Amino acid sequence: MAVDTRPAGLIVAPSEHGPKETADRLVAAVTGHGMKVMARIDHAGAAASVGLSLRPTEVIIFGNPMGGTPLMQAVQTVGIDLPLKALVWQDEAGKTWVGYNAPQWIADRHGAAGGIEAPIGKMTQVLSDVVRQAAGRDPG
């Protein structure tokens, strides 16, 4: 029996595409949902630049102030977890994955309560849609 050892709050989905295509599809899905990509961090490229090897691993940082600001208004420390980010990586078997922090987990982590249900719900749905499109399980 396999044991799930993911960190608390991390949602992980398999991708039907390789890491580069998945990351590119994620960027397209993010911008298609009206959000801005603020950075792409290529951890494997950084590792290679110092002579180390790492399977493809990329973080994409993105967001929209209309979605994140209400959470920071509720509890300003939420800002450490925003903008949103997704990790695209290839595991040792060559499978590509996409992971992101669940918006409710972020809110719970900071003790945000009351009046955040709507932004958390919207953020949850958008992240789910974006990852589904990036992973190839949605024609999106």
Protein backbone atom coordinates (compact mmCIF):
# COMPACT_ATOMS: atom_id res chain seq x y z
CA MET A 1 0.00 0.00 0.00
CA ALA A 2 1.43 3.37 -1.07
CA VAL A 3 1.62 6.14 1.50
CA ASP A 4 0.97 9.73 0.43
CA THR A 5 3.88 11.79 1.72
CA ARG A 6 3.00 15.11 0.09
CA PRO A 7 3.29 18.14 2.34
CA ALA A 8 0.03 19.32 3.90
CA GLY A 9 -1.97 21.59 1.64
CA LEU A 10 -0.22 20.57 -1.57
CA ILE A 11 -2.46 19.54 -4.46
CA VAL A 12 -0.70 17.45 -7.10
CA ALA A 13 -1.91 16.42 -10.55
CA PRO A 14 -0.24 14.26 -13.21
CA SER A 15 0.35 15.77 -16.64
CA GLU A 16 -0.09 14.12 -20.01
CA HIS A 17 2.76 16.28 -21.36
CA GLY A 18 6.46 16.72 -20.72
CA PRO A 19 7.66 19.33 -18.24
CA LYS A 20 8.41 22.14 -20.73
CA GLU A 21 5.11 21.73 -22.56
CA THR A 22 3.22 21.49 -19.26
CA ALA A 23 4.86 24.69 -17.97
CA ASP A 24 4.15 26.50 -21.25
CA ARG A 25 0.53 25.30 -21.18
CA LEU A 26 0.25 26.49 -17.57
CA VAL A 27 1.44 29.96 -18.56
CA ALA A 28 -1.10 30.05 -21.41
CA ALA A 29 -3.90 28.91 -19.09
CA VAL A 30 -2.94 31.48 -16.43
CA THR A 31 -2.96 34.37 -18.89
CA GLY A 32 -6.14 33.00 -20.47
CA HIS A 33 -7.81 33.36 -17.07
CA GLY A 34 -6.82 37.03 -16.83
CA MET A 35 -3.89 36.57 -14.47
CA LYS A 36 -0.35 37.82 -14.93
CA VAL A 37 2.73 35.61 -14.90
CA MET A 38 5.27 37.37 -12.69
CA ALA A 39 8.14 34.90 -12.92
CA ARG A 40 9.28 31.53 -14.19
CA ILE A 41 12.01 29.96 -12.09
CA ASP A 42 13.96 27.16 -13.76
CA HIS A 43 15.50 25.25 -10.85
CA ALA A 44 17.09 22.67 -13.18
CA GLY A 45 18.71 25.43 -15.21
CA ALA A 46 20.03 27.07 -12.05
CA ALA A 47 21.42 23.74 -10.86
CA ALA A 48 23.13 23.18 -14.22
CA SER A 49 24.72 26.64 -14.01
CA VAL A 50 26.70 25.49 -10.95
CA GLY A 51 27.50 22.03 -12.28
CA LEU A 52 24.71 20.13 -10.53
CA SER A 53 22.02 18.01 -12.10
CA LEU A 54 18.30 18.18 -11.37
CA ARG A 55 15.41 16.73 -13.33
CA PRO A 56 13.20 19.41 -14.93
CA THR A 57 11.76 21.51 -12.10
CA GLU A 58 10.13 24.89 -12.70
CA VAL A 59 8.10 27.26 -10.52
CA ILE A 60 5.64 29.62 -12.18
CA ILE A 61 4.52 32.59 -10.08
CA PHE A 62 1.28 34.27 -11.09
CA GLY A 63 -1.75 36.12 -9.82
CA ASN A 64 -4.29 38.87 -9.99
CA PRO A 65 -4.63 41.54 -7.27
CA MET A 66 -8.43 41.24 -7.47
CA GLY A 67 -8.15 37.69 -6.17
CA GLY A 68 -5.32 37.98 -3.66
CA THR A 69 -5.92 41.38 -2.09
CA PRO A 70 -9.08 40.36 -0.18
CA LEU A 71 -7.09 37.61 1.53
CA MET A 72 -4.31 40.02 2.48
CA GLN A 73 -6.93 42.48 3.73
CA ALA A 74 -8.22 39.73 6.02
CA VAL A 75 -4.74 38.72 7.25
CA GLN A 76 -1.79 40.59 5.83
CA THR A 77 0.68 37.74 6.41
CA VAL A 78 -1.06 35.84 3.59
CA GLY A 79 1.17 37.99 1.39
CA ILE A 80 4.06 35.58 2.02
CA ASP A 81 2.09 32.93 0.09
CA LEU A 82 0.95 35.23 -2.70
CA PRO A 83 1.16 35.60 -5.61
CA LEU A 84 0.12 32.06 -6.33
CA LYS A 85 2.65 29.60 -7.65
CA ALA A 86 2.71 26.21 -9.29
CA LEU A 87 5.54 23.71 -9.48
CA VAL A 88 6.05 21.60 -12.61
CA TRP A 89 8.49 18.72 -12.25
CA GLN A 90 9.54 15.43 -13.72
CA ASP A 91 9.91 12.52 -11.32
CA GLU A 92 12.51 9.76 -11.40
CA ALA A 93 10.25 7.63 -13.63
CA GLY A 94 9.94 10.43 -16.21
CA LYS A 95 6.37 11.39 -15.26
CA THR A 96 5.47 15.09 -15.20
CA TRP A 97 3.51 16.57 -12.31
CA VAL A 98 1.97 19.93 -11.40
CA GLY A 99 1.58 20.96 -7.77
CA TYR A 100 0.21 24.01 -5.98
CA ASN A 101 -0.86 25.11 -2.52
CA ALA A 102 -4.59 24.79 -1.88
CA PRO A 103 -6.08 28.27 -1.34
CA GLN A 104 -8.01 27.08 1.73
CA TRP A 105 -4.78 25.72 3.21
CA ILE A 106 -3.15 29.13 2.66
CA ALA A 107 -6.07 30.87 4.41
CA ASP A 108 -6.04 28.35 7.27
CA ARG A 109 -2.28 28.66 7.66
CA HIS A 110 -2.69 32.36 8.39
CA GLY A 111 -5.90 32.11 10.42
CA ALA A 112 -7.96 33.99 7.84
CA ALA A 113 -11.66 33.68 8.56
CA GLY A 114 -14.87 35.45 7.75
CA GLY A 115 -15.57 37.14 4.46
CA ILE A 116 -13.00 35.15 2.51
CA GLU A 117 -15.21 32.31 1.31
CA ALA A 118 -15.94 33.89 -2.09
CA PRO A 119 -12.32 34.74 -2.99
CA ILE A 120 -11.11 31.34 -1.72
CA GLY A 121 -13.80 29.57 -3.75
CA LYS A 122 -12.96 31.49 -6.91
CA MET A 123 -9.22 31.00 -6.43
CA THR A 124 -9.76 27.26 -5.88
CA GLN A 125 -11.82 26.92 -9.05
CA VAL A 126 -9.42 28.96 -11.19
CA LEU A 127 -6.39 26.99 -9.99
CA SER A 128 -8.16 23.72 -10.68
CA ASP A 129 -9.11 24.88 -14.19
CA VAL A 130 -5.62 26.20 -14.96
CA VAL A 131 -3.91 22.99 -13.83
CA ARG A 132 -6.42 20.82 -15.70
CA GLN A 133 -5.70 22.78 -18.88
CA ALA A 134 -1.93 22.65 -18.37
CA ALA A 135 -1.93 18.93 -17.63
CA GLY A 136 -3.89 18.18 -20.79
CA ARG A 137 -7.02 16.80 -19.24
CA ASP A 138 -9.09 19.70 -20.51
CA PRO A 139 -9.34 21.01 -24.06
CA GLY A 140 -9.31 24.51 -22.48
